[in-house]
Amino acid sequence: MGRRYRFGLKTASRKEERDILRRVEALREDPGLLIPECIHGAHRIFRREERALRRVASLADDQKSLERASRRGPPLA
């Protein structure tokens, strides 16, 4: 008889949930953490993405501005 595979969702434990929230807070304060560190001048590749992330992060307090920004340009994620 074949092997049974289980499909479904897993609920995050409290520890995992706290870890996720801690990471989200860190990203909210410094979105540049998403940009990889490059050597030999390759950081220029990600300059546009970093600028877009910082612009969106500056709008974090204004819901209406965030909605407007979400309709412009290519999606960040």
PDB file of N, CA and C in Angstrom:
ATOM      1  N   MET A   1       0.835  -1.174   0.000  1.00  0.00           N
ATOM      2  CA  MET A   1       0.000   0.000   0.000  1.00  0.00           C
ATOM      3  C   MET A   1       0.886   1.245   0.000  1.00  0.00           C
ATOM      4  N   GLY A   2       0.476   2.268  -0.721  1.00  0.00           N
ATOM      5  CA  GLY A   2       1.268   3.486  -0.859  1.00  0.00           C
ATOM      6  C   GLY A   2       1.314   4.316   0.415  1.00  0.00           C
ATOM      7  N   ARG A   3       2.232   5.210   0.429  1.00  0.00           N
ATOM      8  CA  ARG A   3       2.404   6.092   1.577  1.00  0.00           C
ATOM      9  C   ARG A   3       1.341   7.191   1.548  1.00  0.00           C
ATOM     10  N   ARG A   4       0.782   7.499   2.720  1.00  0.00           N
ATOM     11  CA  ARG A   4      -0.244   8.543   2.802  1.00  0.00           C
ATOM     12  C   ARG A   4       0.422   9.879   3.107  1.00  0.00           C
ATOM     13  N   TYR A   5       0.070  10.858   2.344  1.00  0.00           N
ATOM     14  CA  TYR A   5       0.585  12.200   2.573  1.00  0.00           C
ATOM     15  C   TYR A   5      -0.495  13.030   3.244  1.00  0.00           C
ATOM     16  N   ARG A   6      -0.063  13.842   4.197  1.00  0.00           N
ATOM     17  CA  ARG A   6      -0.997  14.704   4.902  1.00  0.00           C
ATOM     18  C   ARG A   6      -0.902  16.114   4.333  1.00  0.00           C
ATOM     19  N   PHE A   7      -2.021  16.690   4.078  1.00  0.00           N
ATOM     20  CA  PHE A   7      -2.091  18.064   3.597  1.00  0.00           C
ATOM     21  C   PHE A   7      -2.896  18.869   4.597  1.00  0.00           C
ATOM     22  N   GLY A   8      -2.548  20.107   4.754  1.00  0.00           N
ATOM     23  CA  GLY A   8      -3.313  20.962   5.647  1.00  0.00           C
ATOM     24  C   GLY A   8      -2.446  22.063   6.217  1.00  0.00           C
ATOM     25  N   LEU A   9      -3.064  22.854   7.047  1.00  0.00           N
ATOM     26  CA  LEU A   9      -2.374  23.984   7.648  1.00  0.00           C
ATOM     27  C   LEU A   9      -1.907  23.632   9.045  1.00  0.00           C
ATOM     28  N   LYS A  10      -0.835  24.252   9.440  1.00  0.00           N
ATOM     29  CA  LYS A  10      -0.311  24.064  10.785  1.00  0.00           C
ATOM     30  C   LYS A  10      -0.443  25.389  11.517  1.00  0.00           C
ATOM     31  N   THR A  11      -0.917  25.336  12.729  1.00  0.00           N
ATOM     32  CA  THR A  11      -1.021  26.539  13.532  1.00  0.00           C
ATOM     33  C   THR A  11       0.329  26.817  14.173  1.00  0.00           C
ATOM     34  N   ALA A  12       0.759  28.055  14.104  1.00  0.00           N
ATOM     35  CA  ALA A  12       2.057  28.425  14.671  1.00  0.00           C
ATOM     36  C   ALA A  12       1.985  28.397  16.196  1.00  0.00           C
ATOM     37  N   SER A  13       3.033  27.916  16.808  1.00  0.00           N
ATOM     38  CA  SER A  13       3.088  27.916  18.265  1.00  0.00           C
ATOM     39  C   SER A  13       3.305  29.343  18.755  1.00  0.00           C
ATOM     40  N   ARG A  14       3.137  29.547  20.047  1.00  0.00           N
ATOM     41  CA  ARG A  14       3.320  30.897  20.598  1.00  0.00           C
ATOM     42  C   ARG A  14       4.738  31.397  20.382  1.00  0.00           C
ATOM     43  N   LYS A  15       5.697  30.505  20.524  1.00  0.00           N
ATOM     44  CA  LYS A  15       7.099  30.896  20.334  1.00  0.00           C
ATOM     45  C   LYS A  15       7.343  31.317  18.885  1.00  0.00           C
ATOM     46  N   GLU A  16       6.821  30.540  17.939  1.00  0.00           N
ATOM     47  CA  GLU A  16       6.972  30.896  16.525  1.00  0.00           C
ATOM     48  C   GLU A  16       6.277  32.218  16.221  1.00  0.00           C
ATOM     49  N   GLU A  17       5.099  32.412  16.813  1.00  0.00           N
ATOM     50  CA  GLU A  17       4.354  33.644  16.583  1.00  0.00           C
ATOM     51  C   GLU A  17       5.124  34.856  17.113  1.00  0.00           C
ATOM     52  N   ARG A  18       5.699  34.738  18.309  1.00  0.00           N
ATOM     53  CA  ARG A  18       6.501  35.830  18.870  1.00  0.00           C
ATOM     54  C   ARG A  18       7.717  36.110  17.994  1.00  0.00           C
ATOM     55  N   ASP A  19       8.337  35.044  17.471  1.00  0.00           N
ATOM     56  CA  ASP A  19       9.510  35.208  16.616  1.00  0.00           C
ATOM     57  C   ASP A  19       9.142  35.938  15.322  1.00  0.00           C
ATOM     58  N   ILE A  20       8.021  35.574  14.735  1.00  0.00           N
ATOM     59  CA  ILE A  20       7.566  36.233  13.507  1.00  0.00           C
ATOM     60  C   ILE A  20       7.280  37.709  13.775  1.00  0.00           C
ATOM     61  N   LEU A  21       6.583  37.995  14.876  1.00  0.00           N
ATOM     62  CA  LEU A  21       6.265  39.386  15.203  1.00  0.00           C
ATOM     63  C   LEU A  21       7.521  40.203  15.480  1.00  0.00           C
ATOM     64  N   ARG A  22       8.528  39.583  16.106  1.00  0.00           N
ATOM     65  CA  ARG A  22       9.789  40.273  16.372  1.00  0.00           C
ATOM     66  C   ARG A  22      10.487  40.622  15.054  1.00  0.00           C
ATOM     67  N   ARG A  23      10.458  39.691  14.112  1.00  0.00           N
ATOM     68  CA  ARG A  23      11.081  39.949  12.808  1.00  0.00           C
ATOM     69  C   ARG A  23      10.345  41.038  12.038  1.00  0.00           C
ATOM     70  N   VAL A  24       9.018  41.040  12.123  1.00  0.00           N
ATOM     71  CA  VAL A  24       8.229  42.063  11.439  1.00  0.00           C
ATOM     72  C   VAL A  24       8.542  43.441  12.013  1.00  0.00           C
ATOM     73  N   GLU A  25       8.666  43.537  13.332  1.00  0.00           N
ATOM     74  CA  GLU A  25       9.011  44.817  13.956  1.00  0.00           C
ATOM     75  C   GLU A  25      10.385  45.303  13.484  1.00  0.00           C
ATOM     76  N   ALA A  26      11.341  44.381  13.400  1.00  0.00           N
ATOM     77  CA  ALA A  26      12.678  44.762  12.941  1.00  0.00           C
ATOM     78  C   ALA A  26      12.632  45.257  11.494  1.00  0.00           C
ATOM     79  N   LEU A  27      11.831  44.606  10.653  1.00  0.00           N
ATOM     80  CA  LEU A  27      11.710  45.034   9.259  1.00  0.00           C
ATOM     81  C   LEU A  27      10.964  46.357   9.141  1.00  0.00           C
ATOM     82  N   ARG A  28      10.023  46.581  10.039  1.00  0.00           N
ATOM     83  CA  ARG A  28       9.295  47.848  10.008  1.00  0.00           C
ATOM     84  C   ARG A  28      10.240  49.008  10.308  1.00  0.00           C
ATOM     85  N   GLU A  29      11.167  48.792  11.233  1.00  0.00           N
ATOM     86  CA  GLU A  29      12.111  49.845  11.595  1.00  0.00           C
ATOM     87  C   GLU A  29      13.198  50.034  10.533  1.00  0.00           C
ATOM     88  N   ASP A  30      13.657  48.946   9.924  1.00  0.00           N
ATOM     89  CA  ASP A  30      14.722  49.041   8.922  1.00  0.00           C
ATOM     90  C   ASP A  30      14.437  48.075   7.773  1.00  0.00           C
ATOM     91  N   PRO A  31      13.712  48.514   6.736  1.00  0.00           N
ATOM     92  CA  PRO A  31      13.394  47.625   5.621  1.00  0.00           C
ATOM     93  C   PRO A  31      14.619  47.219   4.808  1.00  0.00           C
ATOM     94  N   GLY A  32      15.736  47.884   5.015  1.00  0.00           N
ATOM     95  CA  GLY A  32      16.966  47.537   4.313  1.00  0.00           C
ATOM     96  C   GLY A  32      17.495  46.163   4.694  1.00  0.00           C
ATOM     97  N   LEU A  33      16.950  45.567   5.758  1.00  0.00           N
ATOM     98  CA  LEU A  33      17.367  44.221   6.158  1.00  0.00           C
ATOM     99  C   LEU A  33      17.007  43.176   5.096  1.00  0.00           C
ATOM    100  N   LEU A  34      16.042  43.499   4.241  1.00  0.00           N
ATOM    101  CA  LEU A  34      15.646  42.566   3.179  1.00  0.00           C
ATOM    102  C   LEU A  34      16.645  42.531   2.030  1.00  0.00           C
ATOM    103  N   ILE A  35      17.432  43.578   1.896  1.00  0.00           N
ATOM    104  CA  ILE A  35      18.393  43.676   0.801  1.00  0.00           C
ATOM    105  C   ILE A  35      19.655  42.904   1.178  1.00  0.00           C
ATOM    106  N   PRO A  36      20.105  41.995   0.329  1.00  0.00           N
ATOM    107  CA  PRO A  36      21.311  41.224   0.659  1.00  0.00           C
ATOM    108  C   PRO A  36      22.561  42.099   0.661  1.00  0.00           C
ATOM    109  N   GLU A  37      23.518  41.706   1.487  1.00  0.00           N
ATOM    110  CA  GLU A  37      24.797  42.415   1.522  1.00  0.00           C
ATOM    111  C   GLU A  37      25.673  41.890   0.388  1.00  0.00           C
ATOM    112  N   CYS A  38      26.187  42.801  -0.418  1.00  0.00           N
ATOM    113  CA  CYS A  38      26.982  42.416  -1.582  1.00  0.00           C
ATOM    114  C   CYS A  38      28.414  42.915  -1.428  1.00  0.00           C
ATOM    115  N   ILE A  39      29.315  42.243  -2.116  1.00  0.00           N
ATOM    116  CA  ILE A  39      30.711  42.655  -2.093  1.00  0.00           C
ATOM    117  C   ILE A  39      31.117  43.132  -3.483  1.00  0.00           C
ATOM    118  N   HIS A  40      32.212  43.833  -3.563  1.00  0.00           N
ATOM    119  CA  HIS A  40      32.797  44.298  -4.826  1.00  0.00           C
ATOM    120  C   HIS A  40      31.859  45.205  -5.620  1.00  0.00           C
ATOM    121  N   GLY A  41      31.123  46.074  -4.937  1.00  0.00           N
ATOM    122  CA  GLY A  41      30.311  47.064  -5.633  1.00  0.00           C
ATOM    123  C   GLY A  41      29.026  46.543  -6.239  1.00  0.00           C
ATOM    124  N   ALA A  42      28.646  45.344  -5.939  1.00  0.00           N
ATOM    125  CA  ALA A  42      27.420  44.789  -6.514  1.00  0.00           C
ATOM    126  C   ALA A  42      26.170  45.320  -5.824  1.00  0.00           C
ATOM    127  N   HIS A  43      26.323  46.132  -4.784  1.00  0.00           N
ATOM    128  CA  HIS A  43      25.165  46.666  -4.079  1.00  0.00           C
ATOM    129  C   HIS A  43      24.338  47.595  -4.964  1.00  0.00           C
ATOM    130  N   ARG A  44      24.927  48.073  -6.048  1.00  0.00           N
ATOM    131  CA  ARG A  44      24.192  48.949  -6.965  1.00  0.00           C
ATOM    132  C   ARG A  44      23.009  48.239  -7.598  1.00  0.00           C
ATOM    133  N   ILE A  45      23.061  46.927  -7.670  1.00  0.00           N
ATOM    134  CA  ILE A  45      21.985  46.154  -8.285  1.00  0.00           C
ATOM    135  C   ILE A  45      20.677  46.365  -7.528  1.00  0.00           C
ATOM    136  N   PHE A  46      20.751  46.465  -6.209  1.00  0.00           N
ATOM    137  CA  PHE A  46      19.557  46.527  -5.376  1.00  0.00           C
ATOM    138  C   PHE A  46      19.198  47.941  -4.938  1.00  0.00           C
ATOM    139  N   ARG A  47      19.841  48.936  -5.496  1.00  0.00           N
ATOM    140  CA  ARG A  47      19.602  50.316  -5.075  1.00  0.00           C
ATOM    141  C   ARG A  47      18.144  50.730  -5.285  1.00  0.00           C
ATOM    142  N   ARG A  48      17.565  50.385  -6.423  1.00  0.00           N
ATOM    143  CA  ARG A  48      16.188  50.768  -6.724  1.00  0.00           C
ATOM    144  C   ARG A  48      15.207  50.108  -5.758  1.00  0.00           C
ATOM    145  N   GLU A  49      15.421  48.823  -5.463  1.00  0.00           N
ATOM    146  CA  GLU A  49      14.531  48.122  -4.551  1.00  0.00           C
ATOM    147  C   GLU A  49      14.620  48.697  -3.139  1.00  0.00           C
ATOM    148  N   GLU A  50      15.837  49.011  -2.717  1.00  0.00           N
ATOM    149  CA  GLU A  50      16.005  49.578  -1.378  1.00  0.00           C
ATOM    150  C   GLU A  50      15.312  50.939  -1.277  1.00  0.00           C
ATOM    151  N   ARG A  51      15.422  51.741  -2.314  1.00  0.00           N
ATOM    152  CA  ARG A  51      14.768  53.050  -2.316  1.00  0.00           C
ATOM    153  C   ARG A  51      13.244  52.885  -2.244  1.00  0.00           C
ATOM    154  N   ALA A  52      12.697  51.917  -2.988  1.00  0.00           N
ATOM    155  CA  ALA A  52      11.255  51.683  -2.962  1.00  0.00           C
ATOM    156  C   ALA A  52      10.799  51.197  -1.588  1.00  0.00           C
ATOM    157  N   LEU A  53      11.570  50.310  -0.964  1.00  0.00           N
ATOM    158  CA  LEU A  53      11.214  49.819   0.367  1.00  0.00           C
ATOM    159  C   LEU A  53      11.237  50.946   1.394  1.00  0.00           C
ATOM    160  N   ARG A  54      12.223  51.797   1.316  1.00  0.00           N
ATOM    161  CA  ARG A  54      12.305  52.915   2.270  1.00  0.00           C
ATOM    162  C   ARG A  54      11.162  53.910   2.052  1.00  0.00           C
ATOM    163  N   ARG A  55      10.772  54.124   0.806  1.00  0.00           N
ATOM    164  CA  ARG A  55       9.661  55.030   0.523  1.00  0.00           C
ATOM    165  C   ARG A  55       8.361  54.482   1.113  1.00  0.00           C
ATOM    166  N   VAL A  56       8.126  53.185   0.947  1.00  0.00           N
ATOM    167  CA  VAL A  56       6.922  52.573   1.506  1.00  0.00           C
ATOM    168  C   VAL A  56       6.979  52.589   3.031  1.00  0.00           C
ATOM    169  N   ALA A  57       8.153  52.349   3.603  1.00  0.00           N
ATOM    170  CA  ALA A  57       8.290  52.367   5.061  1.00  0.00           C
ATOM    171  C   ALA A  57       8.004  53.757   5.625  1.00  0.00           C
ATOM    172  N   SER A  58       8.326  54.792   4.879  1.00  0.00           N
ATOM    173  CA  SER A  58       8.057  56.145   5.365  1.00  0.00           C
ATOM    174  C   SER A  58       6.561  56.447   5.383  1.00  0.00           C
ATOM    175  N   LEU A  59       5.771  55.695   4.639  1.00  0.00           N
ATOM    176  CA  LEU A  59       4.323  55.886   4.591  1.00  0.00           C
ATOM    177  C   LEU A  59       3.582  54.989   5.576  1.00  0.00           C
ATOM    178  N   ALA A  60       4.291  54.292   6.433  1.00  0.00           N
ATOM    179  CA  ALA A  60       3.689  53.275   7.298  1.00  0.00           C
ATOM    180  C   ALA A  60       2.613  53.833   8.223  1.00  0.00           C
ATOM    181  N   ASP A  61       2.668  55.103   8.566  1.00  0.00           N
ATOM    182  CA  ASP A  61       1.698  55.672   9.500  1.00  0.00           C
ATOM    183  C   ASP A  61       0.415  56.136   8.823  1.00  0.00           C
ATOM    184  N   ASP A  62       0.420  56.298   7.528  1.00  0.00           N
ATOM    185  CA  ASP A  62      -0.731  56.845   6.813  1.00  0.00           C
ATOM    186  C   ASP A  62      -1.366  55.763   5.938  1.00  0.00           C
ATOM    187  N   GLN A  63      -2.524  55.264   6.355  1.00  0.00           N
ATOM    188  CA  GLN A  63      -3.202  54.167   5.660  1.00  0.00           C
ATOM    189  C   GLN A  63      -3.576  54.549   4.226  1.00  0.00           C
ATOM    190  N   LYS A  64      -4.073  55.753   4.049  1.00  0.00           N
ATOM    191  CA  LYS A  64      -4.513  56.183   2.719  1.00  0.00           C
ATOM    192  C   LYS A  64      -3.335  56.257   1.740  1.00  0.00           C
ATOM    193  N   SER A  65      -2.208  56.753   2.219  1.00  0.00           N
ATOM    194  CA  SER A  65      -1.018  56.836   1.367  1.00  0.00           C
ATOM    195  C   SER A  65      -0.496  55.450   1.013  1.00  0.00           C
ATOM    196  N   LEU A  66      -0.573  54.516   1.957  1.00  0.00           N
ATOM    197  CA  LEU A  66      -0.151  53.142   1.673  1.00  0.00           C
ATOM    198  C   LEU A  66      -1.028  52.506   0.600  1.00  0.00           C
ATOM    199  N   GLU A  67      -2.333  52.745   0.687  1.00  0.00           N
ATOM    200  CA  GLU A  67      -3.237  52.195  -0.330  1.00  0.00           C
ATOM    201  C   GLU A  67      -2.922  52.772  -1.702  1.00  0.00           C
ATOM    202  N   ARG A  68      -2.658  54.070  -1.757  1.00  0.00           N
ATOM    203  CA  ARG A  68      -2.310  54.708  -3.022  1.00  0.00           C
ATOM    204  C   ARG A  68      -0.998  54.149  -3.575  1.00  0.00           C
ATOM    205  N   ALA A  69      -0.019  53.961  -2.700  1.00  0.00           N
ATOM    206  CA  ALA A  69       1.287  53.446  -3.129  1.00  0.00           C
ATOM    207  C   ALA A  69       1.188  52.000  -3.597  1.00  0.00           C
ATOM    208  N   SER A  70       0.241  51.246  -3.044  1.00  0.00           N
ATOM    209  CA  SER A  70       0.115  49.841  -3.435  1.00  0.00           C
ATOM    210  C   SER A  70      -0.412  49.688  -4.861  1.00  0.00           C
ATOM    211  N   ARG A  71      -1.057  50.724  -5.378  1.00  0.00           N
ATOM    212  CA  ARG A  71      -1.594  50.651  -6.743  1.00  0.00           C
ATOM    213  C   ARG A  71      -0.594  51.116  -7.792  1.00  0.00           C
ATOM    214  N   ARG A  72       0.528  51.686  -7.369  1.00  0.00           N
ATOM    215  CA  ARG A  72       1.507  52.224  -8.314  1.00  0.00           C
ATOM    216  C   ARG A  72       2.669  51.268  -8.505  1.00  0.00           C
ATOM    217  N   GLY A  73       3.151  51.188  -9.704  1.00  0.00           N
ATOM    218  CA  GLY A  73       4.380  50.455  -9.997  1.00  0.00           C
ATOM    219  C   GLY A  73       4.256  48.951  -9.838  1.00  0.00           C
ATOM    220  N   PRO A  74       5.368  48.265 -10.028  1.00  0.00           N
ATOM    221  CA  PRO A  74       5.360  46.806  -9.895  1.00  0.00           C
ATOM    222  C   PRO A  74       5.272  46.410  -8.424  1.00  0.00           C
ATOM    223  N   PRO A  75       4.675  45.253  -8.139  1.00  0.00           N
ATOM    224  CA  PRO A  75       4.561  44.820  -6.745  1.00  0.00           C
ATOM    225  C   PRO A  75       5.934  44.533  -6.142  1.00  0.00           C
ATOM    226  N   LEU A  76       6.107  44.867  -4.864  1.00  0.00           N
ATOM    227  CA  LEU A  76       7.378  44.633  -4.190  1.00  0.00           C
ATOM    228  C   LEU A  76       7.522  43.186  -3.764  1.00  0.00           C
ATOM    229  N   ALA A  77       6.413  42.501  -3.570  1.00  0.00           N
ATOM    230  CA  ALA A  77       6.493  41.109  -3.115  1.00  0.00           C
ATOM    231  C   ALA A  77       5.757  40.197  -4.057  1.00  0.00           C
TER     232      ALA A  77
END
